[in-house]
C-alpha cells in the first residue's frame, strides 16, 4: 500500500514579488550608489562629503556620505545636514539598550549563543 503525502513543500510562496517597474527602479538606484562608492579618489580625504560629518576612511567602499544614500536622504528634513542629527538615528543606532536588544534578537534568530552578548 502506497502512502500518499498531501503536504507539499512550496518555498517562497509568501514572498512579496516586485512589479517590472519596481525592479527597474531598484536596479537604477543600486547603480548610482555603486558608482559613487567605486570612486578611489575619496580615500584619505573628505572632499567628497556632502554633509558636515564625513570622515576620512581607509577603503573606497567606506567613503559614502549619508546624503548619497537615497533611502537616507529622503528621510532627512531639509534643515538636517547629516543623518546623525536625526533624532530617530540617535534613538535606534546610538542607544546602548536598543543595540543590546537588537543584538539579542539577531542572535536568537541565528541560534547564536545569547549569553556572550554584553555592552
PDB file of N, CA and C in Angstrom:
ATOM      1  N   UNK A   1       0.839  -1.169   0.000  1.00  0.00           N
ATOM      2  CA  UNK A   1       0.000   0.000   0.000  1.00  0.00           C
ATOM      3  C   UNK A   1       0.892   1.242   0.000  1.00  0.00           C
ATOM      4  N   UNK A   2       0.681   2.142  -0.921  1.00  0.00           N
ATOM      5  CA  UNK A   2       1.476   3.356  -1.045  1.00  0.00           C
ATOM      6  C   UNK A   2       0.927   4.432  -0.119  1.00  0.00           C
ATOM      7  N   UNK A   3       1.835   5.108   0.561  1.00  0.00           N
ATOM      8  CA  UNK A   3       1.454   6.210   1.442  1.00  0.00           C
ATOM      9  C   UNK A   3       1.485   7.489   0.622  1.00  0.00           C
ATOM     10  N   UNK A   4       0.399   8.202   0.677  1.00  0.00           N
ATOM     11  CA  UNK A   4       0.290   9.436  -0.098  1.00  0.00           C
ATOM     12  C   UNK A   4       0.529  10.633   0.817  1.00  0.00           C
ATOM     13  N   UNK A   5       1.471  11.467   0.454  1.00  0.00           N
ATOM     14  CA  UNK A   5       1.808  12.650   1.238  1.00  0.00           C
ATOM     15  C   UNK A   5       1.071  13.847   0.657  1.00  0.00           C
ATOM     16  N   UNK A   6       0.141  14.385   1.417  1.00  0.00           N
ATOM     17  CA  UNK A   6      -0.650  15.511   0.915  1.00  0.00           C
ATOM     18  C   UNK A   6       0.026  16.858   1.164  1.00  0.00           C
ATOM     19  N   UNK A   7       1.033  16.883   2.035  1.00  0.00           N
ATOM     20  CA  UNK A   7       1.730  18.133   2.318  1.00  0.00           C
ATOM     21  C   UNK A   7       2.854  18.323   1.303  1.00  0.00           C
ATOM     22  N   UNK A   8       2.766  19.393   0.563  1.00  0.00           N
ATOM     23  CA  UNK A   8       3.788  19.701  -0.431  1.00  0.00           C
ATOM     24  C   UNK A   8       4.531  20.940   0.040  1.00  0.00           C
ATOM     25  N   UNK A   9       5.836  20.839   0.067  1.00  0.00           N
ATOM     26  CA  UNK A   9       6.646  21.983   0.469  1.00  0.00           C
ATOM     27  C   UNK A   9       6.800  22.905  -0.731  1.00  0.00           C
ATOM     28  N   UNK A  10       6.376  24.138  -0.549  1.00  0.00           N
ATOM     29  CA  UNK A  10       6.474  25.135  -1.618  1.00  0.00           C
ATOM     30  C   UNK A  10       7.185  26.366  -1.057  1.00  0.00           C
ATOM     31  N   UNK A  11       8.512  26.369  -1.117  1.00  0.00           N
ATOM     32  CA  UNK A  11       9.239  27.504  -0.546  1.00  0.00           C
ATOM     33  C   UNK A  11       8.955  28.801  -1.284  1.00  0.00           C
ATOM     34  N   UNK A  12       9.087  29.889  -0.573  1.00  0.00           N
ATOM     35  CA  UNK A  12       8.935  31.243  -1.100  1.00  0.00           C
ATOM     36  C   UNK A  12       7.525  31.576  -1.584  1.00  0.00           C
ATOM     37  N   UNK A  13       6.526  30.810  -1.209  1.00  0.00           N
ATOM     38  CA  UNK A  13       5.187  31.086  -1.716  1.00  0.00           C
ATOM     39  C   UNK A  13       4.560  32.341  -1.105  1.00  0.00           C
ATOM     40  N   UNK A  14       5.087  32.805   0.011  1.00  0.00           N
ATOM     41  CA  UNK A  14       4.535  34.006   0.632  1.00  0.00           C
ATOM     42  C   UNK A  14       5.458  35.216   0.485  1.00  0.00           C
ATOM     43  N   UNK A  15       6.492  35.095  -0.319  1.00  0.00           N
ATOM     44  CA  UNK A  15       7.422  36.194  -0.519  1.00  0.00           C
ATOM     45  C   UNK A  15       6.794  37.257  -1.416  1.00  0.00           C
ATOM     46  N   UNK A  16       7.031  38.526  -1.117  1.00  0.00           N
ATOM     47  CA  UNK A  16       6.490  39.586  -1.983  1.00  0.00           C
ATOM     48  C   UNK A  16       7.184  39.556  -3.341  1.00  0.00           C
ATOM     49  N   UNK A  17       6.471  39.968  -4.351  1.00  0.00           N
ATOM     50  CA  UNK A  17       7.027  39.998  -5.697  1.00  0.00           C
ATOM     51  C   UNK A  17       7.059  41.433  -6.198  1.00  0.00           C
ATOM     52  N   UNK A  18       8.119  41.767  -6.893  1.00  0.00           N
ATOM     53  CA  UNK A  18       8.258  43.089  -7.490  1.00  0.00           C
ATOM     54  C   UNK A  18       7.513  43.157  -8.811  1.00  0.00           C
ATOM     55  N   UNK A  19       6.981  44.320  -9.087  1.00  0.00           N
ATOM     56  CA  UNK A  19       6.449  44.560 -10.428  1.00  0.00           C
ATOM     57  C   UNK A  19       7.642  44.928 -11.313  1.00  0.00           C
ATOM     58  N   UNK A  20       7.516  44.840 -12.636  1.00  0.00           N
ATOM     59  CA  UNK A  20       8.642  45.209 -13.513  1.00  0.00           C
ATOM     60  C   UNK A  20       9.139  46.640 -13.272  1.00  0.00           C
ATOM     61  N   UNK A  21       8.246  47.564 -12.963  1.00  0.00           N
ATOM     62  CA  UNK A  21       8.646  48.943 -12.691  1.00  0.00           C
ATOM     63  C   UNK A  21       9.468  49.076 -11.427  1.00  0.00           C
ATOM     64  N   UNK A  22       9.106  48.343 -10.385  1.00  0.00           N
ATOM     65  CA  UNK A  22       9.855  48.384  -9.138  1.00  0.00           C
ATOM     66  C   UNK A  22      11.246  47.796  -9.313  1.00  0.00           C
ATOM     67  N   UNK A  23      11.371  46.728 -10.060  1.00  0.00           N
ATOM     68  CA  UNK A  23      12.669  46.110 -10.290  1.00  0.00           C
ATOM     69  C   UNK A  23      13.592  47.073 -11.031  1.00  0.00           C
ATOM     70  N   UNK A  24      13.059  47.771 -12.004  1.00  0.00           N
ATOM     71  CA  UNK A  24      13.856  48.717 -12.775  1.00  0.00           C
ATOM     72  C   UNK A  24      14.315  49.863 -11.873  1.00  0.00           C
ATOM     73  N   UNK A  25      13.454  50.365 -11.012  1.00  0.00           N
ATOM     74  CA  UNK A  25      13.790  51.454 -10.105  1.00  0.00           C
ATOM     75  C   UNK A  25      14.869  51.034  -9.126  1.00  0.00           C
ATOM     76  N   UNK A  26      14.762  49.841  -8.546  1.00  0.00           N
ATOM     77  CA  UNK A  26      15.762  49.364  -7.603  1.00  0.00           C
ATOM     78  C   UNK A  26      17.123  49.210  -8.257  1.00  0.00           C
ATOM     79  N   UNK A  27      17.184  48.672  -9.451  1.00  0.00           N
ATOM     80  CA  UNK A  27      18.472  48.483 -10.117  1.00  0.00           C
ATOM     81  C   UNK A  27      19.096  49.823 -10.486  1.00  0.00           C
ATOM     82  N   UNK A  28      18.290  50.817 -10.858  1.00  0.00           N
ATOM     83  CA  UNK A  28      18.810  52.144 -11.166  1.00  0.00           C
ATOM     84  C   UNK A  28      19.415  52.781  -9.928  1.00  0.00           C
ATOM     85  N   UNK A  29      18.762  52.638  -8.786  1.00  0.00           N
ATOM     86  CA  UNK A  29      19.254  53.190  -7.529  1.00  0.00           C
ATOM     87  C   UNK A  29      20.558  52.531  -7.134  1.00  0.00           C
ATOM     88  N   UNK A  30      20.636  51.217  -7.215  1.00  0.00           N
ATOM     89  CA  UNK A  30      21.847  50.495  -6.846  1.00  0.00           C
ATOM     90  C   UNK A  30      23.024  50.934  -7.703  1.00  0.00           C
ATOM     91  N   UNK A  31      22.804  51.130  -8.979  1.00  0.00           N
ATOM     92  CA  UNK A  31      23.876  51.514  -9.884  1.00  0.00           C
ATOM     93  C   UNK A  31      24.438  52.873  -9.506  1.00  0.00           C
ATOM     94  N   UNK A  32      23.584  53.847  -9.229  1.00  0.00           N
ATOM     95  CA  UNK A  32      24.075  55.178  -8.906  1.00  0.00           C
ATOM     96  C   UNK A  32      24.829  55.181  -7.586  1.00  0.00           C
ATOM     97  N   UNK A  33      24.391  54.421  -6.597  1.00  0.00           N
ATOM     98  CA  UNK A  33      25.103  54.347  -5.332  1.00  0.00           C
ATOM     99  C   UNK A  33      26.428  53.617  -5.497  1.00  0.00           C
ATOM    100  N   UNK A  34      26.465  52.548  -6.291  1.00  0.00           N
ATOM    101  CA  UNK A  34      27.695  51.804  -6.513  1.00  0.00           C
ATOM    102  C   UNK A  34      28.729  52.655  -7.240  1.00  0.00           C
ATOM    103  N   UNK A  35      28.292  53.468  -8.195  1.00  0.00           N
ATOM    104  CA  UNK A  35      29.221  54.322  -8.918  1.00  0.00           C
ATOM    105  C   UNK A  35      29.895  55.305  -7.970  1.00  0.00           C
ATOM    106  N   UNK A  36      29.156  55.855  -7.030  1.00  0.00           N
ATOM    107  CA  UNK A  36      29.734  56.787  -6.068  1.00  0.00           C
ATOM    108  C   UNK A  36      30.721  56.080  -5.152  1.00  0.00           C
ATOM    109  N   UNK A  37      30.433  54.852  -4.772  1.00  0.00           N
ATOM    110  CA  UNK A  37      31.285  54.100  -3.862  1.00  0.00           C
ATOM    111  C   UNK A  37      32.590  53.684  -4.540  1.00  0.00           C
ATOM    112  N   UNK A  38      32.578  53.416  -5.835  1.00  0.00           N
ATOM    113  CA  UNK A  38      33.756  52.935  -6.551  1.00  0.00           C
ATOM    114  C   UNK A  38      34.806  54.012  -6.793  1.00  0.00           C
ATOM    115  N   UNK A  39      34.560  55.225  -6.426  1.00  0.00           N
ATOM    116  CA  UNK A  39      35.474  56.323  -6.696  1.00  0.00           C
ATOM    117  C   UNK A  39      36.671  56.269  -5.751  1.00  0.00           C
ATOM    118  N   UNK A  40      37.844  55.871  -6.268  1.00  0.00           N
ATOM    119  CA  UNK A  40      39.043  55.730  -5.441  1.00  0.00           C
ATOM    120  C   UNK A  40      39.651  57.062  -5.028  1.00  0.00           C
ATOM    121  N   UNK A  41      39.237  58.168  -5.622  1.00  0.00           N
ATOM    122  CA  UNK A  41      39.796  59.464  -5.251  1.00  0.00           C
ATOM    123  C   UNK A  41      39.303  59.932  -3.890  1.00  0.00           C
ATOM    124  N   UNK A  42      38.385  59.226  -3.294  1.00  0.00           N
ATOM    125  CA  UNK A  42      37.823  59.615  -2.000  1.00  0.00           C
ATOM    126  C   UNK A  42      38.685  59.171  -0.820  1.00  0.00           C
ATOM    127  N   UNK A  43      39.512  58.173  -1.013  1.00  0.00           N
ATOM    128  CA  UNK A  43      40.305  57.615   0.085  1.00  0.00           C
ATOM    129  C   UNK A  43      41.297  58.663   0.583  1.00  0.00           C
ATOM    130  N   UNK A  44      41.326  58.847   1.902  1.00  0.00           N
ATOM    131  CA  UNK A  44      42.295  59.738   2.520  1.00  0.00           C
ATOM    132  C   UNK A  44      41.889  61.193   2.615  1.00  0.00           C
ATOM    133  N   UNK A  45      40.678  61.546   2.190  1.00  0.00           N
ATOM    134  CA  UNK A  45      40.228  62.933   2.314  1.00  0.00           C
ATOM    135  C   UNK A  45      38.717  62.960   2.518  1.00  0.00           C
ATOM    136  N   UNK A  46      38.195  64.141   2.789  1.00  0.00           N
ATOM    137  CA  UNK A  46      36.747  64.287   2.995  1.00  0.00           C
ATOM    138  C   UNK A  46      36.131  65.269   2.001  1.00  0.00           C
ATOM    139  N   UNK A  47      36.823  65.552   0.916  1.00  0.00           N
ATOM    140  CA  UNK A  47      36.310  66.485  -0.093  1.00  0.00           C
ATOM    141  C   UNK A  47      35.002  66.008  -0.713  1.00  0.00           C
ATOM    142  N   UNK A  48      34.752  64.718  -0.692  1.00  0.00           N
ATOM    143  CA  UNK A  48      33.573  64.117  -1.306  1.00  0.00           C
ATOM    144  C   UNK A  48      32.328  64.252  -0.431  1.00  0.00           C
ATOM    145  N   UNK A  49      32.485  64.571   0.841  1.00  0.00           N
ATOM    146  CA  UNK A  49      31.362  64.628   1.775  1.00  0.00           C
ATOM    147  C   UNK A  49      30.410  65.771   1.481  1.00  0.00           C
ATOM    148  N   UNK A  50      29.123  65.469   1.484  1.00  0.00           N
ATOM    149  CA  UNK A  50      28.101  66.485   1.243  1.00  0.00           C
ATOM    150  C   UNK A  50      27.536  67.042   2.547  1.00  0.00           C
ATOM    151  N   UNK A  51      27.674  66.300   3.632  1.00  0.00           N
ATOM    152  CA  UNK A  51      27.219  66.782   4.939  1.00  0.00           C
ATOM    153  C   UNK A  51      28.448  67.275   5.704  1.00  0.00           C
ATOM    154  N   UNK A  52      28.284  67.617   6.938  1.00  0.00           N
ATOM    155  CA  UNK A  52      29.397  68.172   7.713  1.00  0.00           C
ATOM    156  C   UNK A  52      30.100  67.142   8.593  1.00  0.00           C
ATOM    157  N   UNK A  53      29.735  65.867   8.501  1.00  0.00           N
ATOM    158  CA  UNK A  53      30.274  64.877   9.434  1.00  0.00           C
ATOM    159  C   UNK A  53      31.005  63.708   8.789  1.00  0.00           C
ATOM    160  N   UNK A  54      31.299  63.756   7.501  1.00  0.00           N
ATOM    161  CA  UNK A  54      32.009  62.651   6.852  1.00  0.00           C
ATOM    162  C   UNK A  54      33.442  62.582   7.366  1.00  0.00           C
ATOM    163  N   UNK A  55      33.951  61.363   7.472  1.00  0.00           N
ATOM    164  CA  UNK A  55      35.311  61.135   7.950  1.00  0.00           C
ATOM    165  C   UNK A  55      36.143  60.481   6.865  1.00  0.00           C
ATOM    166  N   UNK A  56      37.440  60.706   6.929  1.00  0.00           N
ATOM    167  CA  UNK A  56      38.360  60.047   6.013  1.00  0.00           C
ATOM    168  C   UNK A  56      38.387  58.562   6.345  1.00  0.00           C
ATOM    169  N   UNK A  57      38.189  57.725   5.336  1.00  0.00           N
ATOM    170  CA  UNK A  57      38.123  56.278   5.540  1.00  0.00           C
ATOM    171  C   UNK A  57      39.221  55.591   4.734  1.00  0.00           C
ATOM    172  N   UNK A  58      39.689  54.417   5.198  1.00  0.00           N
ATOM    173  CA  UNK A  58      40.793  53.731   4.510  1.00  0.00           C
ATOM    174  C   UNK A  58      40.397  53.017   3.219  1.00  0.00           C
ATOM    175  N   UNK A  59      39.133  52.661   3.050  1.00  0.00           N
ATOM    176  CA  UNK A  59      38.683  51.935   1.862  1.00  0.00           C
ATOM    177  C   UNK A  59      37.668  52.758   1.083  1.00  0.00           C
ATOM    178  N   UNK A  60      37.708  52.666  -0.250  1.00  0.00           N
ATOM    179  CA  UNK A  60      36.775  53.444  -1.073  1.00  0.00           C
ATOM    180  C   UNK A  60      35.328  53.026  -0.835  1.00  0.00           C
ATOM    181  N   UNK A  61      35.099  51.748  -0.495  1.00  0.00           N
ATOM    182  CA  UNK A  61      33.733  51.284  -0.210  1.00  0.00           C
ATOM    183  C   UNK A  61      33.141  51.967   1.018  1.00  0.00           C
ATOM    184  N   UNK A  62      33.990  52.445   1.913  1.00  0.00           N
ATOM    185  CA  UNK A  62      33.522  53.089   3.139  1.00  0.00           C
ATOM    186  C   UNK A  62      33.318  54.595   2.966  1.00  0.00           C
ATOM    187  N   UNK A  63      33.788  55.153   1.885  1.00  0.00           N
ATOM    188  CA  UNK A  63      33.703  56.595   1.639  1.00  0.00           C
ATOM    189  C   UNK A  63      32.360  56.949   1.019  1.00  0.00           C
ATOM    190  N   UNK A  64      31.332  56.960   1.836  1.00  0.00           N
ATOM    191  CA  UNK A  64      29.977  57.259   1.379  1.00  0.00           C
ATOM    192  C   UNK A  64      29.362  58.260   2.349  1.00  0.00           C
ATOM    193  N   UNK A  65      28.768  59.289   1.805  1.00  0.00           N
ATOM    194  CA  UNK A  65      28.083  60.292   2.613  1.00  0.00           C
ATOM    195  C   UNK A  65      26.614  59.899   2.769  1.00  0.00           C
ATOM    196  N   UNK A  66      26.030  60.229   3.905  1.00  0.00           N
ATOM    197  CA  UNK A  66      24.619  59.909   4.138  1.00  0.00           C
ATOM    198  C   UNK A  66      23.717  60.571   3.098  1.00  0.00           C
ATOM    199  N   UNK A  67      24.141  61.693   2.547  1.00  0.00           N
ATOM    200  CA  UNK A  67      23.350  62.396   1.533  1.00  0.00           C
ATOM    201  C   UNK A  67      23.342  61.654   0.195  1.00  0.00           C
ATOM    202  N   UNK A  68      24.278  60.716  -0.006  1.00  0.00           N
ATOM    203  CA  UNK A  68      24.355  59.950  -1.249  1.00  0.00           C
ATOM    204  C   UNK A  68      23.498  58.692  -1.227  1.00  0.00           C
ATOM    205  N   UNK A  69      22.994  58.319  -0.077  1.00  0.00           N
ATOM    206  CA  UNK A  69      22.175  57.115   0.053  1.00  0.00           C
ATOM    207  C   UNK A  69      20.718  57.545  -0.027  1.00  0.00           C
ATOM    208  N   UNK A  70      20.054  57.153  -1.099  1.00  0.00           N
ATOM    209  CA  UNK A  70      18.682  57.611  -1.350  1.00  0.00           C
ATOM    210  C   UNK A  70      17.732  57.286  -0.207  1.00  0.00           C
ATOM    211  N   UNK A  71      17.827  56.091   0.361  1.00  0.00           N
ATOM    212  CA  UNK A  71      16.923  55.698   1.441  1.00  0.00           C
ATOM    213  C   UNK A  71      17.110  56.582   2.670  1.00  0.00           C
ATOM    214  N   UNK A  72      18.297  57.131   2.856  1.00  0.00           N
ATOM    215  CA  UNK A  72      18.568  58.007   3.998  1.00  0.00           C
ATOM    216  C   UNK A  72      18.195  59.449   3.668  1.00  0.00           C
ATOM    217  N   UNK A  73      18.639  59.936   2.534  1.00  0.00           N
ATOM    218  CA  UNK A  73      18.428  61.349   2.210  1.00  0.00           C
ATOM    219  C   UNK A  73      16.949  61.703   2.075  1.00  0.00           C
ATOM    220  N   UNK A  74      16.120  60.760   1.649  1.00  0.00           N
ATOM    221  CA  UNK A  74      14.679  61.030   1.546  1.00  0.00           C
ATOM    222  C   UNK A  74      14.035  61.201   2.915  1.00  0.00           C
ATOM    223  N   UNK A  75      14.620  60.611   3.936  1.00  0.00           N
ATOM    224  CA  UNK A  75      14.040  60.696   5.282  1.00  0.00           C
ATOM    225  C   UNK A  75      14.542  61.896   6.077  1.00  0.00           C
ATOM    226  N   UNK A  76      15.570  62.546   5.584  1.00  0.00           N
ATOM    227  CA  UNK A  76      16.112  63.695   6.295  1.00  0.00           C
ATOM    228  C   UNK A  76      15.290  64.937   5.989  1.00  0.00           C
ATOM    229  N   UNK A  77      15.089  65.752   7.008  1.00  0.00           N
ATOM    230  CA  UNK A  77      14.421  67.040   6.792  1.00  0.00           C
ATOM    231  C   UNK A  77      15.381  67.948   6.027  1.00  0.00           C
ATOM    232  N   UNK A  78      14.846  68.919   5.334  1.00  0.00           N
ATOM    233  CA  UNK A  78      15.689  69.830   4.553  1.00  0.00           C
ATOM    234  C   UNK A  78      16.650  70.609   5.444  1.00  0.00           C
ATOM    235  N   UNK A  79      16.302  70.797   6.700  1.00  0.00           N
ATOM    236  CA  UNK A  79      17.168  71.535   7.616  1.00  0.00           C
ATOM    237  C   UNK A  79      18.229  70.648   8.258  1.00  0.00           C
ATOM    238  N   UNK A  80      18.092  69.333   8.142  1.00  0.00           N
ATOM    239  CA  UNK A  80      19.049  68.413   8.742  1.00  0.00           C
ATOM    240  C   UNK A  80      20.224  68.227   7.797  1.00  0.00           C
ATOM    241  N   UNK A  81      21.421  68.519   8.293  1.00  0.00           N
ATOM    242  CA  UNK A  81      22.604  68.404   7.450  1.00  0.00           C
ATOM    243  C   UNK A  81      23.119  66.973   7.346  1.00  0.00           C
ATOM    244  N   UNK A  82      22.975  66.198   8.424  1.00  0.00           N
ATOM    245  CA  UNK A  82      23.556  64.854   8.455  1.00  0.00           C
ATOM    246  C   UNK A  82      22.616  63.899   9.182  1.00  0.00           C
ATOM    247  N   UNK A  83      22.701  62.621   8.845  1.00  0.00           N
ATOM    248  CA  UNK A  83      21.833  61.613   9.450  1.00  0.00           C
ATOM    249  C   UNK A  83      22.043  61.524  10.965  1.00  0.00           C
ATOM    250  N   UNK A  84      23.250  61.820  11.445  1.00  0.00           N
ATOM    251  CA  UNK A  84      23.477  61.700  12.888  1.00  0.00           C
ATOM    252  C   UNK A  84      22.763  62.791  13.681  1.00  0.00           C
ATOM    253  N   UNK A  85      22.277  63.826  13.007  1.00  0.00           N
ATOM    254  CA  UNK A  85      21.491  64.865  13.673  1.00  0.00           C
ATOM    255  C   UNK A  85      20.024  64.481  13.810  1.00  0.00           C
ATOM    256  N   UNK A  86      19.614  63.415  13.154  1.00  0.00           N
ATOM    257  CA  UNK A  86      18.232  62.956  13.190  1.00  0.00           C
ATOM    258  C   UNK A  86      17.957  62.237  14.509  1.00  0.00           C
ATOM    259  N   UNK A  87      16.883  62.596  15.182  1.00  0.00           N
ATOM    260  CA  UNK A  87      16.545  62.005  16.481  1.00  0.00           C
ATOM    261  C   UNK A  87      16.319  60.501  16.379  1.00  0.00           C
ATOM    262  N   UNK A  88      15.684  60.043  15.310  1.00  0.00           N
ATOM    263  CA  UNK A  88      15.456  58.603  15.140  1.00  0.00           C
ATOM    264  C   UNK A  88      16.769  57.846  15.023  1.00  0.00           C
ATOM    265  N   UNK A  89      17.747  58.410  14.345  1.00  0.00           N
ATOM    266  CA  UNK A  89      19.059  57.767  14.221  1.00  0.00           C
ATOM    267  C   UNK A  89      19.697  57.613  15.598  1.00  0.00           C
ATOM    268  N   UNK A  90      19.654  58.683  16.386  1.00  0.00           N
ATOM    269  CA  UNK A  90      20.245  58.613  17.735  1.00  0.00           C
ATOM    270  C   UNK A  90      19.546  57.558  18.578  1.00  0.00           C
ATOM    271  N   UNK A  91      18.223  57.487  18.488  1.00  0.00           N
ATOM    272  CA  UNK A  91      17.461  56.528  19.287  1.00  0.00           C
ATOM    273  C   UNK A  91      17.744  55.096  18.867  1.00  0.00           C
ATOM    274  N   UNK A  92      17.728  54.829  17.582  1.00  0.00           N
ATOM    275  CA  UNK A  92      17.839  53.459  17.085  1.00  0.00           C
ATOM    276  C   UNK A  92      19.283  52.989  16.971  1.00  0.00           C
ATOM    277  N   UNK A  93      20.189  53.847  16.562  1.00  0.00           N
ATOM    278  CA  UNK A  93      21.559  53.416  16.266  1.00  0.00           C
ATOM    279  C   UNK A  93      22.584  53.739  17.344  1.00  0.00           C
ATOM    280  N   UNK A  94      22.296  54.663  18.226  1.00  0.00           N
ATOM    281  CA  UNK A  94      23.278  55.049  19.230  1.00  0.00           C
ATOM    282  C   UNK A  94      22.870  54.710  20.658  1.00  0.00           C
ATOM    283  N   UNK A  95      21.627  54.334  20.888  1.00  0.00           N
ATOM    284  CA  UNK A  95      21.160  53.985  22.222  1.00  0.00           C
ATOM    285  C   UNK A  95      21.657  52.583  22.581  1.00  0.00           C
ATOM    286  N   UNK A  96      22.416  52.473  23.668  1.00  0.00           N
ATOM    287  CA  UNK A  96      23.042  51.203  24.050  1.00  0.00           C
ATOM    288  C   UNK A  96      22.021  50.097  24.301  1.00  0.00           C
ATOM    289  N   UNK A  97      20.906  50.410  24.941  1.00  0.00           N
ATOM    290  CA  UNK A  97      19.899  49.378  25.221  1.00  0.00           C
ATOM    291  C   UNK A  97      19.220  48.887  23.950  1.00  0.00           C
ATOM    292  N   UNK A  98      18.936  49.789  23.025  1.00  0.00           N
ATOM    293  CA  UNK A  98      18.336  49.385  21.750  1.00  0.00           C
ATOM    294  C   UNK A  98      19.298  48.473  20.999  1.00  0.00           C
ATOM    295  N   UNK A  99      20.580  48.816  20.984  1.00  0.00           N
ATOM    296  CA  UNK A  99      21.578  47.981  20.311  1.00  0.00           C
ATOM    297  C   UNK A  99      21.702  46.617  20.974  1.00  0.00           C
ATOM    298  N   UNK A 100      21.653  46.584  22.303  1.00  0.00           N
ATOM    299  CA  UNK A 100      21.754  45.309  23.022  1.00  0.00           C
ATOM    300  C   UNK A 100      20.568  44.408  22.694  1.00  0.00           C
ATOM    301  N   UNK A 101      19.360  44.961  22.738  1.00  0.00           N
ATOM    302  CA  UNK A 101      18.160  44.174  22.429  1.00  0.00           C
ATOM    303  C   UNK A 101      18.195  43.701  20.972  1.00  0.00           C
ATOM    304  N   UNK A 102      18.641  44.550  20.066  1.00  0.00           N
ATOM    305  CA  UNK A 102      18.748  44.157  18.654  1.00  0.00           C
ATOM    306  C   UNK A 102      19.753  43.030  18.474  1.00  0.00           C
ATOM    307  N   UNK A 103      20.871  43.107  19.185  1.00  0.00           N
ATOM    308  CA  UNK A 103      21.883  42.052  19.092  1.00  0.00           C
ATOM    309  C   UNK A 103      21.344  40.731  19.632  1.00  0.00           C
ATOM    310  N   UNK A 104      20.587  40.792  20.717  1.00  0.00           N
ATOM    311  CA  UNK A 104      19.991  39.570  21.278  1.00  0.00           C
ATOM    312  C   UNK A 104      18.971  38.991  20.310  1.00  0.00           C
ATOM    313  N   UNK A 105      18.126  39.834  19.722  1.00  0.00           N
ATOM    314  CA  UNK A 105      17.124  39.351  18.763  1.00  0.00           C
ATOM    315  C   UNK A 105      17.796  38.729  17.544  1.00  0.00           C
ATOM    316  N   UNK A 106      18.865  39.351  17.072  1.00  0.00           N
ATOM    317  CA  UNK A 106      19.599  38.803  15.922  1.00  0.00           C
ATOM    318  C   UNK A 106      20.229  37.466  16.284  1.00  0.00           C
ATOM    319  N   UNK A 107      20.846  37.395  17.445  1.00  0.00           N
ATOM    320  CA  UNK A 107      21.470  36.144  17.876  1.00  0.00           C
ATOM    321  C   UNK A 107      20.428  35.050  18.047  1.00  0.00           C
ATOM    322  N   UNK A 108      19.265  35.419  18.563  1.00  0.00           N
ATOM    323  CA  UNK A 108      18.192  34.441  18.742  1.00  0.00           C
ATOM    324  C   UNK A 108      17.725  33.899  17.392  1.00  0.00           C
ATOM    325  N   UNK A 109      17.580  34.775  16.418  1.00  0.00           N
ATOM    326  CA  UNK A 109      17.144  34.344  15.085  1.00  0.00           C
ATOM    327  C   UNK A 109      18.189  33.455  14.414  1.00  0.00           C
ATOM    328  N   UNK A 110      19.462  33.729  14.686  1.00  0.00           N
ATOM    329  CA  UNK A 110      20.542  32.949  14.077  1.00  0.00           C
ATOM    330  C   UNK A 110      20.937  31.747  14.930  1.00  0.00           C
ATOM    331  N   UNK A 111      20.291  31.576  16.072  1.00  0.00           N
ATOM    332  CA  UNK A 111      20.593  30.494  17.018  1.00  0.00           C
ATOM    333  C   UNK A 111      22.017  30.604  17.548  1.00  0.00           C
ATOM    334  N   UNK A 112      22.493  31.845  17.743  1.00  0.00           N
ATOM    335  CA  UNK A 112      23.803  32.076  18.346  1.00  0.00           C
ATOM    336  C   UNK A 112      23.684  31.990  19.860  1.00  0.00           C
ATOM    337  N   UNK A 113      24.808  32.004  20.531  1.00  0.00           N
ATOM    338  CA  UNK A 113      24.832  31.989  21.989  1.00  0.00           C
ATOM    339  C   UNK A 113      24.536  33.396  22.499  1.00  0.00           C
ATOM    340  N   UNK A 114      23.379  33.596  23.069  1.00  0.00           N
ATOM    341  CA  UNK A 114      22.953  34.911  23.554  1.00  0.00           C
ATOM    342  C   UNK A 114      23.730  35.320  24.797  1.00  0.00           C
ATOM    343  N   UNK A 115      24.244  34.391  25.558  1.00  0.00           N
ATOM    344  CA  UNK A 115      24.969  34.701  26.790  1.00  0.00           C
ATOM    345  C   UNK A 115      26.235  35.510  26.525  1.00  0.00           C
ATOM    346  N   UNK A 116      26.808  35.389  25.333  1.00  0.00           N
ATOM    347  CA  UNK A 116      28.062  36.082  25.036  1.00  0.00           C
ATOM    348  C   UNK A 116      27.865  37.555  24.688  1.00  0.00           C
ATOM    349  N   UNK A 117      26.637  38.019  24.575  1.00  0.00           N
ATOM    350  CA  UNK A 117      26.366  39.408  24.204  1.00  0.00           C
ATOM    351  C   UNK A 117      26.377  40.278  25.450  1.00  0.00           C
ATOM    352  N   UNK A 118      27.195  41.327  25.399  1.00  0.00           N
ATOM    353  CA  UNK A 118      27.246  42.275  26.506  1.00  0.00           C
ATOM    354  C   UNK A 118      27.564  43.649  25.947  1.00  0.00           C
ATOM    355  N   UNK A 119      27.446  44.678  26.792  1.00  0.00           N
ATOM    356  CA  UNK A 119      27.745  46.051  26.356  1.00  0.00           C
ATOM    357  C   UNK A 119      29.208  46.266  26.310  1.00  0.00           C
TER     358      UNK A 119
END
